[in-house]
Amino acid sequence: EGWQTARARMPFEPITLMITGLALAISSGFFGLLSGGGFLQGIWLPFFEVPILGYVKLGTPLLFDVGVYFVVIGFTIKCAEALGTEGE
């Protein structure tokens, strides 16, 4: 009952989350190459103001970090599932 119920409620597969995260992290490196720099060179968007946070500067390092976050979360879910279904 436990993991089957949890899997039915998940809107995505952990493997899909890991693949998406890896694609985001790798693609963030190509923006530097496309701009004439090196792989994983940071490219920054201009400042813009967010009401509570103030001035925010977004760039490819954030894209890389979100990709790594997705990989780690997907891997953690997959490991928890493997440990939870080991006796079944």
PDB file of N, CA and C in Angstrom:
ATOM      1  N   GLU A   1       0.811  -1.200   0.000  1.00  0.00           N
ATOM      2  CA  GLU A   1       0.000   0.000   0.000  1.00  0.00           C
ATOM      3  C   GLU A   1       0.852   1.261   0.000  1.00  0.00           C
ATOM      4  N   GLY A   2       1.898   1.351   0.794  1.00  0.00           N
ATOM      5  CA  GLY A   2       2.655   2.577   1.031  1.00  0.00           C
ATOM      6  C   GLY A   2       3.210   3.256  -0.212  1.00  0.00           C
ATOM      7  N   TRP A   3       4.143   2.571  -0.901  1.00  0.00           N
ATOM      8  CA  TRP A   3       4.794   3.226  -2.035  1.00  0.00           C
ATOM      9  C   TRP A   3       3.897   3.291  -3.261  1.00  0.00           C
ATOM     10  N   GLN A   4       2.988   2.348  -3.404  1.00  0.00           N
ATOM     11  CA  GLN A   4       2.079   2.407  -4.545  1.00  0.00           C
ATOM     12  C   GLN A   4       1.196   3.655  -4.449  1.00  0.00           C
ATOM     13  N   THR A   5       0.734   3.966  -3.245  1.00  0.00           N
ATOM     14  CA  THR A   5      -0.079   5.167  -3.037  1.00  0.00           C
ATOM     15  C   THR A   5       0.746   6.422  -3.286  1.00  0.00           C
ATOM     16  N   ALA A   6       1.966   6.428  -2.784  1.00  0.00           N
ATOM     17  CA  ALA A   6       2.837   7.590  -2.977  1.00  0.00           C
ATOM     18  C   ALA A   6       3.155   7.801  -4.456  1.00  0.00           C
ATOM     19  N   ARG A   7       3.453   6.721  -5.183  1.00  0.00           N
ATOM     20  CA  ARG A   7       3.769   6.838  -6.611  1.00  0.00           C
ATOM     21  C   ARG A   7       2.573   7.317  -7.416  1.00  0.00           C
ATOM     22  N   ALA A   8       1.360   6.890  -7.003  1.00  0.00           N
ATOM     23  CA  ALA A   8       0.165   7.325  -7.718  1.00  0.00           C
ATOM     24  C   ALA A   8      -0.062   8.826  -7.564  1.00  0.00           C
ATOM     25  N   ARG A   9       0.419   9.396  -6.479  1.00  0.00           N
ATOM     26  CA  ARG A   9       0.233  10.834  -6.239  1.00  0.00           C
ATOM     27  C   ARG A   9       1.346  11.694  -6.815  1.00  0.00           C
ATOM     28  N   MET A  10       2.441  11.089  -7.223  1.00  0.00           N
ATOM     29  CA  MET A  10       3.553  11.865  -7.789  1.00  0.00           C
ATOM     30  C   MET A  10       3.208  12.303  -9.202  1.00  0.00           C
ATOM     31  N   PRO A  11       3.380  13.594  -9.499  1.00  0.00           N
ATOM     32  CA  PRO A  11       3.060  14.075 -10.848  1.00  0.00           C
ATOM     33  C   PRO A  11       4.151  13.758 -11.875  1.00  0.00           C
ATOM     34  N   PHE A  12       5.261  13.155 -11.448  1.00  0.00           N
ATOM     35  CA  PHE A  12       6.388  12.892 -12.332  1.00  0.00           C
ATOM     36  C   PHE A  12       7.138  11.668 -11.841  1.00  0.00           C
ATOM     37  N   GLU A  13       7.939  11.108 -12.702  1.00  0.00           N
ATOM     38  CA  GLU A  13       8.826  10.003 -12.338  1.00  0.00           C
ATOM     39  C   GLU A  13      10.144  10.597 -11.833  1.00  0.00           C
ATOM     40  N   PRO A  14      10.763  10.003 -10.829  1.00  0.00           N
ATOM     41  CA  PRO A  14      12.049  10.518 -10.352  1.00  0.00           C
ATOM     42  C   PRO A  14      13.121  10.527 -11.444  1.00  0.00           C
ATOM     43  N   ILE A  15      13.107   9.524 -12.312  1.00  0.00           N
ATOM     44  CA  ILE A  15      14.089   9.481 -13.403  1.00  0.00           C
ATOM     45  C   ILE A  15      13.885  10.672 -14.342  1.00  0.00           C
ATOM     46  N   THR A  16      12.639  11.020 -14.622  1.00  0.00           N
ATOM     47  CA  THR A  16      12.349  12.171 -15.476  1.00  0.00           C
ATOM     48  C   THR A  16      12.861  13.449 -14.840  1.00  0.00           C
ATOM     49  N   LEU A  17      12.709  13.580 -13.536  1.00  0.00           N
ATOM     50  CA  LEU A  17      13.207  14.750 -12.823  1.00  0.00           C
ATOM     51  C   LEU A  17      14.728  14.819 -12.899  1.00  0.00           C
ATOM     52  N   MET A  18      15.393  13.675 -12.761  1.00  0.00           N
ATOM     53  CA  MET A  18      16.855  13.665 -12.847  1.00  0.00           C
ATOM     54  C   MET A  18      17.340  14.012 -14.248  1.00  0.00           C
ATOM     55  N   ILE A  19      16.676  13.481 -15.268  1.00  0.00           N
ATOM     56  CA  ILE A  19      17.075  13.773 -16.653  1.00  0.00           C
ATOM     57  C   ILE A  19      16.854  15.244 -16.975  1.00  0.00           C
ATOM     58  N   THR A  20      15.728  15.793 -16.523  1.00  0.00           N
ATOM     59  CA  THR A  20      15.448  17.211 -16.748  1.00  0.00           C
ATOM     60  C   THR A  20      16.494  18.077 -16.057  1.00  0.00           C
ATOM     61  N   GLY A  21      16.826  17.730 -14.824  1.00  0.00           N
ATOM     62  CA  GLY A  21      17.837  18.495 -14.096  1.00  0.00           C
ATOM     63  C   GLY A  21      19.198  18.434 -14.757  1.00  0.00           C
ATOM     64  N   LEU A  22      19.571  17.261 -15.224  1.00  0.00           N
ATOM     65  CA  LEU A  22      20.856  17.124 -15.912  1.00  0.00           C
ATOM     66  C   LEU A  22      20.876  17.934 -17.195  1.00  0.00           C
ATOM     67  N   ALA A  23      19.766  17.927 -17.923  1.00  0.00           N
ATOM     68  CA  ALA A  23      19.681  18.718 -19.151  1.00  0.00           C
ATOM     69  C   ALA A  23      19.783  20.217 -18.852  1.00  0.00           C
ATOM     70  N   LEU A  24      19.145  20.677 -17.778  1.00  0.00           N
ATOM     71  CA  LEU A  24      19.245  22.088 -17.397  1.00  0.00           C
ATOM     72  C   LEU A  24      20.676  22.468 -17.032  1.00  0.00           C
ATOM     73  N   ALA A  25      21.313  21.627 -16.230  1.00  0.00           N
ATOM     74  CA  ALA A  25      22.674  21.929 -15.794  1.00  0.00           C
ATOM     75  C   ALA A  25      23.642  21.956 -16.974  1.00  0.00           C
ATOM     76  N   ILE A  26      23.508  21.007 -17.871  1.00  0.00           N
ATOM     77  CA  ILE A  26      24.406  20.982 -19.038  1.00  0.00           C
ATOM     78  C   ILE A  26      24.109  22.136 -19.983  1.00  0.00           C
ATOM     79  N   SER A  27      22.825  22.418 -20.197  1.00  0.00           N
ATOM     80  CA  SER A  27      22.479  23.504 -21.123  1.00  0.00           C
ATOM     81  C   SER A  27      22.939  24.859 -20.604  1.00  0.00           C
ATOM     82  N   SER A  28      23.030  25.025 -19.283  1.00  0.00           N
ATOM     83  CA  SER A  28      23.509  26.303 -18.755  1.00  0.00           C
ATOM     84  C   SER A  28      24.954  26.559 -19.169  1.00  0.00           C
ATOM     85  N   GLY A  29      25.713  25.510 -19.391  1.00  0.00           N
ATOM     86  CA  GLY A  29      27.095  25.671 -19.826  1.00  0.00           C
ATOM     87  C   GLY A  29      27.227  26.138 -21.263  1.00  0.00           C
ATOM     88  N   PHE A  30      26.269  25.778 -22.095  1.00  0.00           N
ATOM     89  CA  PHE A  30      26.362  26.137 -23.504  1.00  0.00           C
ATOM     90  C   PHE A  30      26.066  27.610 -23.770  1.00  0.00           C
ATOM     91  N   PHE A  31      25.369  28.279 -22.852  1.00  0.00           N
ATOM     92  CA  PHE A  31      25.114  29.713 -23.041  1.00  0.00           C
ATOM     93  C   PHE A  31      26.418  30.505 -23.056  1.00  0.00           C
ATOM     94  N   GLY A  32      27.387  30.082 -22.234  1.00  0.00           N
ATOM     95  CA  GLY A  32      28.690  30.733 -22.253  1.00  0.00           C
ATOM     96  C   GLY A  32      29.409  30.530 -23.573  1.00  0.00           C
ATOM     97  N   LEU A  33      29.324  29.312 -24.118  1.00  0.00           N
ATOM     98  CA  LEU A  33      29.957  29.044 -25.411  1.00  0.00           C
ATOM     99  C   LEU A  33      29.300  29.849 -26.531  1.00  0.00           C
ATOM    100  N   LEU A  34      27.966  29.934 -26.485  1.00  0.00           N
ATOM    101  CA  LEU A  34      27.261  30.668 -27.526  1.00  0.00           C
ATOM    102  C   LEU A  34      27.546  32.161 -27.484  1.00  0.00           C
ATOM    103  N   SER A  35      27.918  32.673 -26.321  1.00  0.00           N
ATOM    104  CA  SER A  35      28.220  34.105 -26.217  1.00  0.00           C
ATOM    105  C   SER A  35      29.690  34.400 -26.497  1.00  0.00           C
ATOM    106  N   GLY A  36      30.452  33.396 -26.871  1.00  0.00           N
ATOM    107  CA  GLY A  36      31.856  33.609 -27.215  1.00  0.00           C
ATOM    108  C   GLY A  36      32.817  33.345 -26.073  1.00  0.00           C
ATOM    109  N   GLY A  37      32.333  32.907 -24.935  1.00  0.00           N
ATOM    110  CA  GLY A  37      33.186  32.602 -23.791  1.00  0.00           C
ATOM    111  C   GLY A  37      33.440  31.117 -23.683  1.00  0.00           C
ATOM    112  N   GLY A  38      33.683  30.685 -22.465  1.00  0.00           N
ATOM    113  CA  GLY A  38      33.961  29.287 -22.213  1.00  0.00           C
ATOM    114  C   GLY A  38      32.732  28.549 -21.703  1.00  0.00           C
ATOM    115  N   PHE A  39      32.865  27.231 -21.665  1.00  0.00           N
ATOM    116  CA  PHE A  39      31.789  26.393 -21.143  1.00  0.00           C
ATOM    117  C   PHE A  39      31.585  26.711 -19.670  1.00  0.00           C
ATOM    118  N   LEU A  40      30.352  26.863 -19.236  1.00  0.00           N
ATOM    119  CA  LEU A  40      29.943  27.210 -17.879  1.00  0.00           C
ATOM    120  C   LEU A  40      30.343  28.631 -17.459  1.00  0.00           C
ATOM    121  N   GLN A  41      30.678  29.477 -18.431  1.00  0.00           N
ATOM    122  CA  GLN A  41      30.917  30.878 -18.095  1.00  0.00           C
ATOM    123  C   GLN A  41      29.570  31.522 -17.773  1.00  0.00           C
ATOM    124  N   GLY A  42      29.516  32.288 -16.700  1.00  0.00           N
ATOM    125  CA  GLY A  42      28.259  32.899 -16.275  1.00  0.00           C
ATOM    126  C   GLY A  42      27.792  33.998 -17.217  1.00  0.00           C
ATOM    127  N   ILE A  43      26.554  33.925 -17.617  1.00  0.00           N
ATOM    128  CA  ILE A  43      25.909  34.960 -18.426  1.00  0.00           C
ATOM    129  C   ILE A  43      24.799  35.542 -17.563  1.00  0.00           C
ATOM    130  N   TRP A  44      24.771  36.855 -17.449  1.00  0.00           N
ATOM    131  CA  TRP A  44      23.827  37.515 -16.547  1.00  0.00           C
ATOM    132  C   TRP A  44      22.833  38.358 -17.305  1.00  0.00           C
ATOM    133  N   LEU A  45      21.589  38.311 -16.853  1.00  0.00           N
ATOM    134  CA  LEU A  45      20.550  39.189 -17.384  1.00  0.00           C
ATOM    135  C   LEU A  45      20.626  40.513 -16.636  1.00  0.00           C
ATOM    136  N   PRO A  46      20.087  41.579 -17.227  1.00  0.00           N
ATOM    137  CA  PRO A  46      20.112  42.860 -16.515  1.00  0.00           C
ATOM    138  C   PRO A  46      19.305  42.794 -15.211  1.00  0.00           C
ATOM    139  N   PHE A  47      19.627  43.723 -14.315  1.00  0.00           N
ATOM    140  CA  PHE A  47      18.892  43.816 -13.053  1.00  0.00           C
ATOM    141  C   PHE A  47      17.422  44.111 -13.310  1.00  0.00           C
ATOM    142  N   PHE A  48      16.574  43.575 -12.471  1.00  0.00           N
ATOM    143  CA  PHE A  48      15.180  43.983 -12.454  1.00  0.00           C
ATOM    144  C   PHE A  48      14.708  43.918 -11.012  1.00  0.00           C
ATOM    145  N   GLU A  49      13.659  44.641 -10.718  1.00  0.00           N
ATOM    146  CA  GLU A  49      13.215  44.746  -9.336  1.00  0.00           C
ATOM    147  C   GLU A  49      12.049  43.814  -9.047  1.00  0.00           C
ATOM    148  N   VAL A  50      12.184  43.058  -7.962  1.00  0.00           N
ATOM    149  CA  VAL A  50      11.121  42.194  -7.450  1.00  0.00           C
ATOM    150  C   VAL A  50      10.602  42.881  -6.183  1.00  0.00           C
ATOM    151  N   PRO A  51       9.273  43.032  -6.025  1.00  0.00           N
ATOM    152  CA  PRO A  51       8.735  43.840  -4.925  1.00  0.00           C
ATOM    153  C   PRO A  51       9.325  43.570  -3.534  1.00  0.00           C
ATOM    154  N   ILE A  52       9.454  42.324  -3.119  1.00  0.00           N
ATOM    155  CA  ILE A  52       9.928  42.050  -1.761  1.00  0.00           C
ATOM    156  C   ILE A  52      11.448  41.914  -1.710  1.00  0.00           C
ATOM    157  N   LEU A  53      12.033  41.317  -2.734  1.00  0.00           N
ATOM    158  CA  LEU A  53      13.464  41.030  -2.727  1.00  0.00           C
ATOM    159  C   LEU A  53      14.330  42.219  -3.103  1.00  0.00           C
ATOM    160  N   GLY A  54      13.790  43.176  -3.809  1.00  0.00           N
ATOM    161  CA  GLY A  54      14.595  44.289  -4.297  1.00  0.00           C
ATOM    162  C   GLY A  54      15.151  43.974  -5.677  1.00  0.00           C
ATOM    163  N   TYR A  55      16.355  44.472  -5.965  1.00  0.00           N
ATOM    164  CA  TYR A  55      16.959  44.236  -7.267  1.00  0.00           C
ATOM    165  C   TYR A  55      17.525  42.824  -7.334  1.00  0.00           C
ATOM    166  N   VAL A  56      17.209  42.128  -8.422  1.00  0.00           N
ATOM    167  CA  VAL A  56      17.612  40.740  -8.600  1.00  0.00           C
ATOM    168  C   VAL A  56      18.396  40.629  -9.897  1.00  0.00           C
ATOM    169  N   LYS A  57      19.442  39.848  -9.855  1.00  0.00           N
ATOM    170  CA  LYS A  57      20.239  39.590 -11.042  1.00  0.00           C
ATOM    171  C   LYS A  57      20.194  38.098 -11.328  1.00  0.00           C
ATOM    172  N   LEU A  58      19.579  37.712 -12.446  1.00  0.00           N
ATOM    173  CA  LEU A  58      19.465  36.301 -12.819  1.00  0.00           C
ATOM    174  C   LEU A  58      20.503  35.964 -13.876  1.00  0.00           C
ATOM    175  N   GLY A  59      20.917  34.704 -13.866  1.00  0.00           N
ATOM    176  CA  GLY A  59      21.888  34.280 -14.854  1.00  0.00           C
ATOM    177  C   GLY A  59      21.980  32.772 -14.950  1.00  0.00           C
ATOM    178  N   THR A  60      22.946  32.321 -15.722  1.00  0.00           N
ATOM    179  CA  THR A  60      23.112  30.894 -15.940  1.00  0.00           C
ATOM    180  C   THR A  60      23.524  30.127 -14.681  1.00  0.00           C
ATOM    181  N   PRO A  61      24.207  30.735 -13.704  1.00  0.00           N
ATOM    182  CA  PRO A  61      24.477  29.976 -12.482  1.00  0.00           C
ATOM    183  C   PRO A  61      23.197  29.524 -11.769  1.00  0.00           C
ATOM    184  N   LEU A  62      22.148  30.333 -11.821  1.00  0.00           N
ATOM    185  CA  LEU A  62      20.878  29.919 -11.225  1.00  0.00           C
ATOM    186  C   LEU A  62      20.288  28.739 -11.988  1.00  0.00           C
ATOM    187  N   LEU A  63      20.384  28.760 -13.311  1.00  0.00           N
ATOM    188  CA  LEU A  63      19.898  27.648 -14.126  1.00  0.00           C
ATOM    189  C   LEU A  63      20.653  26.366 -13.786  1.00  0.00           C
ATOM    190  N   PHE A  64      21.966  26.479 -13.606  1.00  0.00           N
ATOM    191  CA  PHE A  64      22.775  25.325 -13.223  1.00  0.00           C
ATOM    192  C   PHE A  64      22.355  24.798 -11.858  1.00  0.00           C
ATOM    193  N   ASP A  65      22.164  25.702 -10.898  1.00  0.00           N
ATOM    194  CA  ASP A  65      21.786  25.286  -9.545  1.00  0.00           C
ATOM    195  C   ASP A  65      20.414  24.616  -9.510  1.00  0.00           C
ATOM    196  N   VAL A  66      19.465  25.123 -10.275  1.00  0.00           N
ATOM    197  CA  VAL A  66      18.141  24.499 -10.334  1.00  0.00           C
ATOM    198  C   VAL A  66      18.249  23.102 -10.939  1.00  0.00           C
ATOM    199  N   GLY A  67      19.083  22.945 -11.955  1.00  0.00           N
ATOM    200  CA  GLY A  67      19.300  21.636 -12.557  1.00  0.00           C
ATOM    201  C   GLY A  67      19.881  20.648 -11.559  1.00  0.00           C
ATOM    202  N   VAL A  68      20.878  21.072 -10.800  1.00  0.00           N
ATOM    203  CA  VAL A  68      21.470  20.200  -9.790  1.00  0.00           C
ATOM    204  C   VAL A  68      20.441  19.864  -8.710  1.00  0.00           C
ATOM    205  N   TYR A  69      19.631  20.834  -8.334  1.00  0.00           N
ATOM    206  CA  TYR A  69      18.578  20.602  -7.342  1.00  0.00           C
ATOM    207  C   TYR A  69      17.622  19.512  -7.822  1.00  0.00           C
ATOM    208  N   PHE A  70      17.201  19.581  -9.086  1.00  0.00           N
ATOM    209  CA  PHE A  70      16.295  18.572  -9.637  1.00  0.00           C
ATOM    210  C   PHE A  70      16.941  17.182  -9.621  1.00  0.00           C
ATOM    211  N   VAL A  71      18.216  17.104  -9.964  1.00  0.00           N
ATOM    212  CA  VAL A  71      18.911  15.812  -9.962  1.00  0.00           C
ATOM    213  C   VAL A  71      18.959  15.239  -8.547  1.00  0.00           C
ATOM    214  N   VAL A  72      19.292  16.069  -7.569  1.00  0.00           N
ATOM    215  CA  VAL A  72      19.400  15.600  -6.193  1.00  0.00           C
ATOM    216  C   VAL A  72      18.040  15.160  -5.654  1.00  0.00           C
ATOM    217  N   ILE A  73      16.985  15.936  -5.911  1.00  0.00           N
ATOM    218  CA  ILE A  73      15.658  15.572  -5.428  1.00  0.00           C
ATOM    219  C   ILE A  73      15.182  14.274  -6.092  1.00  0.00           C
ATOM    220  N   GLY A  74      15.372  14.148  -7.395  1.00  0.00           N
ATOM    221  CA  GLY A  74      14.977  12.924  -8.095  1.00  0.00           C
ATOM    222  C   GLY A  74      15.731  11.709  -7.584  1.00  0.00           C
ATOM    223  N   PHE A  75      17.025  11.874  -7.351  1.00  0.00           N
ATOM    224  CA  PHE A  75      17.839  10.768  -6.838  1.00  0.00           C
ATOM    225  C   PHE A  75      17.405  10.377  -5.433  1.00  0.00           C
ATOM    226  N   THR A  76      17.109  11.358  -4.606  1.00  0.00           N
ATOM    227  CA  THR A  76      16.676  11.085  -3.234  1.00  0.00           C
ATOM    228  C   THR A  76      15.353  10.331  -3.216  1.00  0.00           C
ATOM    229  N   ILE A  77      14.420  10.739  -4.060  1.00  0.00           N
ATOM    230  CA  ILE A  77      13.126  10.045  -4.139  1.00  0.00           C
ATOM    231  C   ILE A  77      13.329   8.609  -4.618  1.00  0.00           C
ATOM    232  N   LYS A  78      14.170   8.432  -5.625  1.00  0.00           N
ATOM    233  CA  LYS A  78      14.424   7.083  -6.158  1.00  0.00           C
ATOM    234  C   LYS A  78      15.084   6.188  -5.112  1.00  0.00           C
ATOM    235  N   CYS A  79      16.033   6.726  -4.344  1.00  0.00           N
ATOM    236  CA  CYS A  79      16.675   5.943  -3.283  1.00  0.00           C
ATOM    237  C   CYS A  79      15.685   5.599  -2.174  1.00  0.00           C
ATOM    238  N   ALA A  80      14.851   6.549  -1.786  1.00  0.00           N
ATOM    239  CA  ALA A  80      13.837   6.287  -0.750  1.00  0.00           C
ATOM    240  C   ALA A  80      12.876   5.213  -1.215  1.00  0.00           C
ATOM    241  N   GLU A  81      12.509   5.264  -2.489  1.00  0.00           N
ATOM    242  CA  GLU A  81      11.616   4.233  -3.028  1.00  0.00           C
ATOM    243  C   GLU A  81      12.286   2.868  -3.019  1.00  0.00           C
ATOM    244  N   ALA A  82      13.543   2.826  -3.399  1.00  0.00           N
ATOM    245  CA  ALA A  82      14.268   1.549  -3.409  1.00  0.00           C
ATOM    246  C   ALA A  82      14.379   0.974  -1.997  1.00  0.00           C
ATOM    247  N   LEU A  83      14.634   1.810  -1.030  1.00  0.00           N
ATOM    248  CA  LEU A  83      14.725   1.338   0.361  1.00  0.00           C
ATOM    249  C   LEU A  83      13.356   0.935   0.894  1.00  0.00           C
ATOM    250  N   GLY A  84      12.318   1.661   0.500  1.00  0.00           N
ATOM    251  CA  GLY A  84      10.975   1.391   0.989  1.00  0.00           C
ATOM    252  C   GLY A  84      10.340   0.151   0.390  1.00  0.00           C
ATOM    253  N   THR A  85      10.754  -0.229  -0.789  1.00  0.00           N
ATOM    254  CA  THR A  85      10.162  -1.400  -1.458  1.00  0.00           C
ATOM    255  C   THR A  85      11.094  -2.613  -1.434  1.00  0.00           C
ATOM    256  N   GLU A  86      12.146  -2.545  -0.650  1.00  0.00           N
ATOM    257  CA  GLU A  86      13.152  -3.616  -0.645  1.00  0.00           C
ATOM    258  C   GLU A  86      12.561  -4.956  -0.217  1.00  0.00           C
ATOM    259  N   GLY A  87      11.672  -4.979   0.764  1.00  0.00           N
ATOM    260  CA  GLY A  87      11.129  -6.230   1.256  1.00  0.00           C
ATOM    261  C   GLY A  87       9.939  -6.761   0.468  1.00  0.00           C
ATOM    262  N   GLU A  88       9.457  -6.006  -0.487  1.00  0.00           N
ATOM    263  CA  GLU A  88       8.258  -6.421  -1.232  1.00  0.00           C
ATOM    264  C   GLU A  88       8.576  -7.371  -2.350  1.00  0.00           C
TER     265      GLU A  88
END
